[in-house]
Amino acid sequence: MKAKLKLTVYLITGLLFGISANAQKTVIKKEALPANAQTFLKTHFGSKKPSYILEDKEMFSTEYKVQFDKQLEIEFDKKGNWKEVDGKNEKIPKSIIPKKIASYIKTNFLKEKVTKIEIGTSGYETKLTNGLELKFNLKEDFIKIDK
């Protein structure tokens, strides 16, 4: 019985290692990004050139990471939809922040700027220059503050 359990553990470990070993990161040009990502970059960054663009291919998914000036990073899913914009404690472009969220922040945190925003299945998370993290649902309604 112990021999079967050990064999199962070894097989699962080998399988997981094999899956992770298939991950491949490649530097690509802006033109190789999905159309949605290209449009996002043009809309919010104009002709500004990224430092680099990575395509991260794994067995079951592909993601893209774009970095500007060693500060700002943007992550996109395989369809080119943005998932995260991280200014690394510097403000991110206002145009990226959904209007209702921007309005809430302007009303309640007048002196603060957004340094990071993420969108997930349950909503948005933003980080402000004062370190507070605000959570919003997918309808952009405020939910709570994380410290």
C-alpha atoms as a PDB file:
ATOM      1  CA  MET A   1       0.000   0.000   0.000  1.00  0.00           C
ATOM      2  CA  LYS A   2       2.825   2.408   0.899  1.00  0.00           C
ATOM      3  CA  ALA A   3       4.576   1.576  -2.367  1.00  0.00           C
ATOM      4  CA  LYS A   4       1.461   2.556  -4.373  1.00  0.00           C
ATOM      5  CA  LEU A   5       1.135   5.802  -2.417  1.00  0.00           C
ATOM      6  CA  LYS A   6       4.808   6.664  -3.021  1.00  0.00           C
ATOM      7  CA  LEU A   7       4.449   5.856  -6.707  1.00  0.00           C
ATOM      8  CA  THR A   8       1.353   8.062  -6.953  1.00  0.00           C
ATOM      9  CA  VAL A   9       3.162  10.947  -5.219  1.00  0.00           C
ATOM     10  CA  TYR A  10       6.149  10.584  -7.574  1.00  0.00           C
ATOM     11  CA  LEU A  11       3.885  10.515 -10.630  1.00  0.00           C
ATOM     12  CA  ILE A  12       1.941  13.603  -9.537  1.00  0.00           C
ATOM     13  CA  THR A  13       5.169  15.462  -8.690  1.00  0.00           C
ATOM     14  CA  GLY A  14       6.648  14.533 -12.064  1.00  0.00           C
ATOM     15  CA  LEU A  15       3.506  15.628 -13.864  1.00  0.00           C
ATOM     16  CA  LEU A  16       3.433  18.988 -12.065  1.00  0.00           C
ATOM     17  CA  PHE A  17       7.135  19.529 -12.758  1.00  0.00           C
ATOM     18  CA  GLY A  18       6.581  18.662 -16.406  1.00  0.00           C
ATOM     19  CA  ILE A  19       3.726  21.161 -16.686  1.00  0.00           C
ATOM     20  CA  SER A  20       5.728  23.963 -15.070  1.00  0.00           C
ATOM     21  CA  ALA A  21       8.758  23.158 -17.207  1.00  0.00           C
ATOM     22  CA  ASN A  22       6.640  23.875 -20.295  1.00  0.00           C
ATOM     23  CA  ALA A  23       6.275  27.545 -19.328  1.00  0.00           C
ATOM     24  CA  GLN A  24       8.002  29.774 -21.862  1.00  0.00           C
ATOM     25  CA  LYS A  25       8.643  33.513 -21.633  1.00  0.00           C
ATOM     26  CA  THR A  26       9.500  35.270 -24.862  1.00  0.00           C
ATOM     27  CA  VAL A  27      10.237  38.916 -25.634  1.00  0.00           C
ATOM     28  CA  ILE A  28       7.875  40.088 -28.369  1.00  0.00           C
ATOM     29  CA  LYS A  29       7.108  43.286 -30.292  1.00  0.00           C
ATOM     30  CA  LYS A  30       4.037  45.433 -29.627  1.00  0.00           C
ATOM     31  CA  GLU A  31       2.542  44.307 -32.936  1.00  0.00           C
ATOM     32  CA  ALA A  32       2.498  40.699 -31.676  1.00  0.00           C
ATOM     33  CA  LEU A  33       0.148  41.572 -28.800  1.00  0.00           C
ATOM     34  CA  PRO A  34      -3.567  40.789 -29.162  1.00  0.00           C
ATOM     35  CA  ALA A  35      -5.559  43.668 -30.704  1.00  0.00           C
ATOM     36  CA  ASN A  36      -7.231  44.594 -27.380  1.00  0.00           C
ATOM     37  CA  ALA A  37      -3.843  45.064 -25.705  1.00  0.00           C
ATOM     38  CA  GLN A  38      -2.540  47.145 -28.614  1.00  0.00           C
ATOM     39  CA  THR A  39      -5.614  49.383 -28.429  1.00  0.00           C
ATOM     40  CA  PHE A  40      -5.244  49.751 -24.633  1.00  0.00           C
ATOM     41  CA  LEU A  41      -1.592  50.782 -24.964  1.00  0.00           C
ATOM     42  CA  LYS A  42      -2.350  53.261 -27.765  1.00  0.00           C
ATOM     43  CA  THR A  43      -5.293  54.760 -25.845  1.00  0.00           C
ATOM     44  CA  HIS A  44      -3.497  55.225 -22.515  1.00  0.00           C
ATOM     45  CA  PHE A  45       0.159  55.592 -23.522  1.00  0.00           C
ATOM     46  CA  GLY A  46       0.024  56.974 -27.065  1.00  0.00           C
ATOM     47  CA  SER A  47       3.296  56.473 -28.897  1.00  0.00           C
ATOM     48  CA  LYS A  48       5.339  55.886 -25.720  1.00  0.00           C
ATOM     49  CA  LYS A  49       7.580  52.872 -26.277  1.00  0.00           C
ATOM     50  CA  PRO A  50       7.646  50.038 -23.727  1.00  0.00           C
ATOM     51  CA  SER A  51      10.959  48.900 -22.218  1.00  0.00           C
ATOM     52  CA  TYR A  52       9.934  45.343 -23.037  1.00  0.00           C
ATOM     53  CA  ILE A  53       6.961  43.089 -23.740  1.00  0.00           C
ATOM     54  CA  LEU A  54       6.883  39.471 -22.580  1.00  0.00           C
ATOM     55  CA  GLU A  55       4.639  36.676 -23.764  1.00  0.00           C
ATOM     56  CA  ASP A  56       4.323  34.091 -20.995  1.00  0.00           C
ATOM     57  CA  LYS A  57       3.054  30.814 -22.430  1.00  0.00           C
ATOM     58  CA  GLU A  58       2.145  27.985 -20.128  1.00  0.00           C
ATOM     59  CA  MET A  59       0.487  24.707 -20.952  1.00  0.00           C
ATOM     60  CA  PHE A  60      -3.076  25.998 -20.570  1.00  0.00           C
ATOM     61  CA  SER A  61      -2.733  29.775 -20.677  1.00  0.00           C
ATOM     62  CA  THR A  62      -0.929  32.728 -22.182  1.00  0.00           C
ATOM     63  CA  GLU A  63      -0.394  36.101 -20.546  1.00  0.00           C
ATOM     64  CA  TYR A  64       1.426  39.248 -21.582  1.00  0.00           C
ATOM     65  CA  LYS A  65       3.435  41.685 -19.495  1.00  0.00           C
ATOM     66  CA  VAL A  66       4.377  45.146 -20.735  1.00  0.00           C
ATOM     67  CA  GLN A  67       6.823  47.327 -18.834  1.00  0.00           C
ATOM     68  CA  PHE A  68       7.453  51.056 -19.257  1.00  0.00           C
ATOM     69  CA  ASP A  69      10.470  52.854 -17.749  1.00  0.00           C
ATOM     70  CA  LYS A  70      11.216  50.160 -15.142  1.00  0.00           C
ATOM     71  CA  GLN A  71       8.256  51.507 -13.165  1.00  0.00           C
ATOM     72  CA  LEU A  72       4.903  50.815 -14.732  1.00  0.00           C
ATOM     73  CA  GLU A  73       3.866  47.242 -15.546  1.00  0.00           C
ATOM     74  CA  ILE A  74       0.701  46.097 -17.282  1.00  0.00           C
ATOM     75  CA  GLU A  75      -0.519  42.511 -17.411  1.00  0.00           C
ATOM     76  CA  PHE A  76      -2.916  41.265 -20.084  1.00  0.00           C
ATOM     77  CA  ASP A  77      -4.740  37.958 -20.484  1.00  0.00           C
ATOM     78  CA  LYS A  78      -4.544  35.846 -23.639  1.00  0.00           C
ATOM     79  CA  LYS A  79      -7.257  37.938 -25.329  1.00  0.00           C
ATOM     80  CA  GLY A  80      -5.442  41.183 -24.574  1.00  0.00           C
ATOM     81  CA  ASN A  81      -7.754  42.336 -21.783  1.00  0.00           C
ATOM     82  CA  TRP A  82      -5.880  44.177 -19.033  1.00  0.00           C
ATOM     83  CA  LYS A  83      -5.691  42.395 -15.681  1.00  0.00           C
ATOM     84  CA  GLU A  84      -3.380  44.669 -13.713  1.00  0.00           C
ATOM     85  CA  VAL A  85      -1.681  48.034 -14.034  1.00  0.00           C
ATOM     86  CA  ASP A  86       1.041  48.560 -11.417  1.00  0.00           C
ATOM     87  CA  GLY A  87       2.855  51.883 -11.131  1.00  0.00           C
ATOM     88  CA  LYS A  88       5.259  50.551  -8.481  1.00  0.00           C
ATOM     89  CA  ASN A  89       4.153  53.237  -5.999  1.00  0.00           C
ATOM     90  CA  GLU A  90       3.952  55.927  -8.702  1.00  0.00           C
ATOM     91  CA  LYS A  91       0.599  57.176 -10.016  1.00  0.00           C
ATOM     92  CA  ILE A  92      -0.874  55.448 -13.037  1.00  0.00           C
ATOM     93  CA  PRO A  93      -2.705  57.280 -15.862  1.00  0.00           C
ATOM     94  CA  LYS A  94      -6.148  58.478 -14.752  1.00  0.00           C
ATOM     95  CA  SER A  95      -7.636  57.320 -18.048  1.00  0.00           C
ATOM     96  CA  ILE A  96      -7.186  53.665 -16.991  1.00  0.00           C
ATOM     97  CA  ILE A  97      -9.321  54.002 -13.863  1.00  0.00           C
ATOM     98  CA  PRO A  98     -13.058  53.399 -14.451  1.00  0.00           C
ATOM     99  CA  LYS A  99     -15.047  56.625 -14.043  1.00  0.00           C
ATOM    100  CA  LYS A 100     -17.136  55.522 -11.053  1.00  0.00           C
ATOM    101  CA  ILE A 101     -14.043  54.353  -9.154  1.00  0.00           C
ATOM    102  CA  ALA A 102     -12.147  57.548 -10.030  1.00  0.00           C
ATOM    103  CA  SER A 103     -15.095  59.627  -8.802  1.00  0.00           C
ATOM    104  CA  TYR A 104     -15.230  57.728  -5.493  1.00  0.00           C
ATOM    105  CA  ILE A 105     -11.503  58.199  -4.929  1.00  0.00           C
ATOM    106  CA  LYS A 106     -11.629  61.894  -5.852  1.00  0.00           C
ATOM    107  CA  THR A 107     -14.532  62.465  -3.434  1.00  0.00           C
ATOM    108  CA  ASN A 108     -13.150  60.463  -0.497  1.00  0.00           C
ATOM    109  CA  PHE A 109      -9.354  60.625  -0.954  1.00  0.00           C
ATOM    110  CA  LEU A 110      -8.840  63.981  -2.676  1.00  0.00           C
ATOM    111  CA  LYS A 111      -5.052  64.168  -2.282  1.00  0.00           C
ATOM    112  CA  GLU A 112      -4.347  60.532  -3.165  1.00  0.00           C
ATOM    113  CA  LYS A 113      -3.530  59.014  -6.538  1.00  0.00           C
ATOM    114  CA  VAL A 114      -3.994  55.441  -7.733  1.00  0.00           C
ATOM    115  CA  THR A 115      -0.700  53.534  -7.988  1.00  0.00           C
ATOM    116  CA  LYS A 116      -2.133  50.131  -8.875  1.00  0.00           C
ATOM    117  CA  ILE A 117      -5.386  48.678 -10.181  1.00  0.00           C
ATOM    118  CA  GLU A 118      -6.372  45.059 -10.749  1.00  0.00           C
ATOM    119  CA  ILE A 119      -9.516  43.525 -12.149  1.00  0.00           C
ATOM    120  CA  GLY A 120     -10.580  40.021 -11.209  1.00  0.00           C
ATOM    121  CA  THR A 121     -13.675  37.870 -11.260  1.00  0.00           C
ATOM    122  CA  SER A 122     -15.081  39.556  -8.137  1.00  0.00           C
ATOM    123  CA  GLY A 123     -14.195  43.150  -8.985  1.00  0.00           C
ATOM    124  CA  TYR A 124     -11.482  45.774  -8.797  1.00  0.00           C
ATOM    125  CA  GLU A 125      -8.710  46.395  -6.300  1.00  0.00           C
ATOM    126  CA  THR A 126      -6.895  49.709  -6.233  1.00  0.00           C
ATOM    127  CA  LYS A 127      -3.893  50.878  -4.245  1.00  0.00           C
ATOM    128  CA  LEU A 128      -3.459  54.542  -3.344  1.00  0.00           C
ATOM    129  CA  THR A 129      -0.345  56.643  -2.745  1.00  0.00           C
ATOM    130  CA  ASN A 130      -1.039  56.495   1.014  1.00  0.00           C
ATOM    131  CA  GLY A 131      -0.866  52.669   0.924  1.00  0.00           C
ATOM    132  CA  LEU A 132      -4.585  52.017   1.372  1.00  0.00           C
ATOM    133  CA  GLU A 133      -6.151  49.352  -0.797  1.00  0.00           C
ATOM    134  CA  LEU A 134      -9.741  49.892  -1.899  1.00  0.00           C
ATOM    135  CA  LYS A 135     -11.988  47.127  -3.190  1.00  0.00           C
ATOM    136  CA  PHE A 136     -14.847  47.631  -5.639  1.00  0.00           C
ATOM    137  CA  ASN A 137     -17.289  45.165  -7.195  1.00  0.00           C
ATOM    138  CA  LEU A 138     -17.625  44.659 -10.954  1.00  0.00           C
ATOM    139  CA  LYS A 139     -20.259  47.423 -11.060  1.00  0.00           C
ATOM    140  CA  GLU A 140     -17.519  49.717  -9.664  1.00  0.00           C
ATOM    141  CA  ASP A 141     -19.332  50.177  -6.326  1.00  0.00           C
ATOM    142  CA  PHE A 142     -17.081  50.619  -3.284  1.00  0.00           C
ATOM    143  CA  ILE A 143     -16.952  47.572  -0.988  1.00  0.00           C
ATOM    144  CA  LYS A 144     -14.228  48.050   1.612  1.00  0.00           C
ATOM    145  CA  ILE A 145     -10.784  49.339   2.562  1.00  0.00           C
ATOM    146  CA  ASP A 146      -7.860  46.985   3.162  1.00  0.00           C
ATOM    147  CA  LYS A 147      -4.846  48.292   5.063  1.00  0.00           C
END
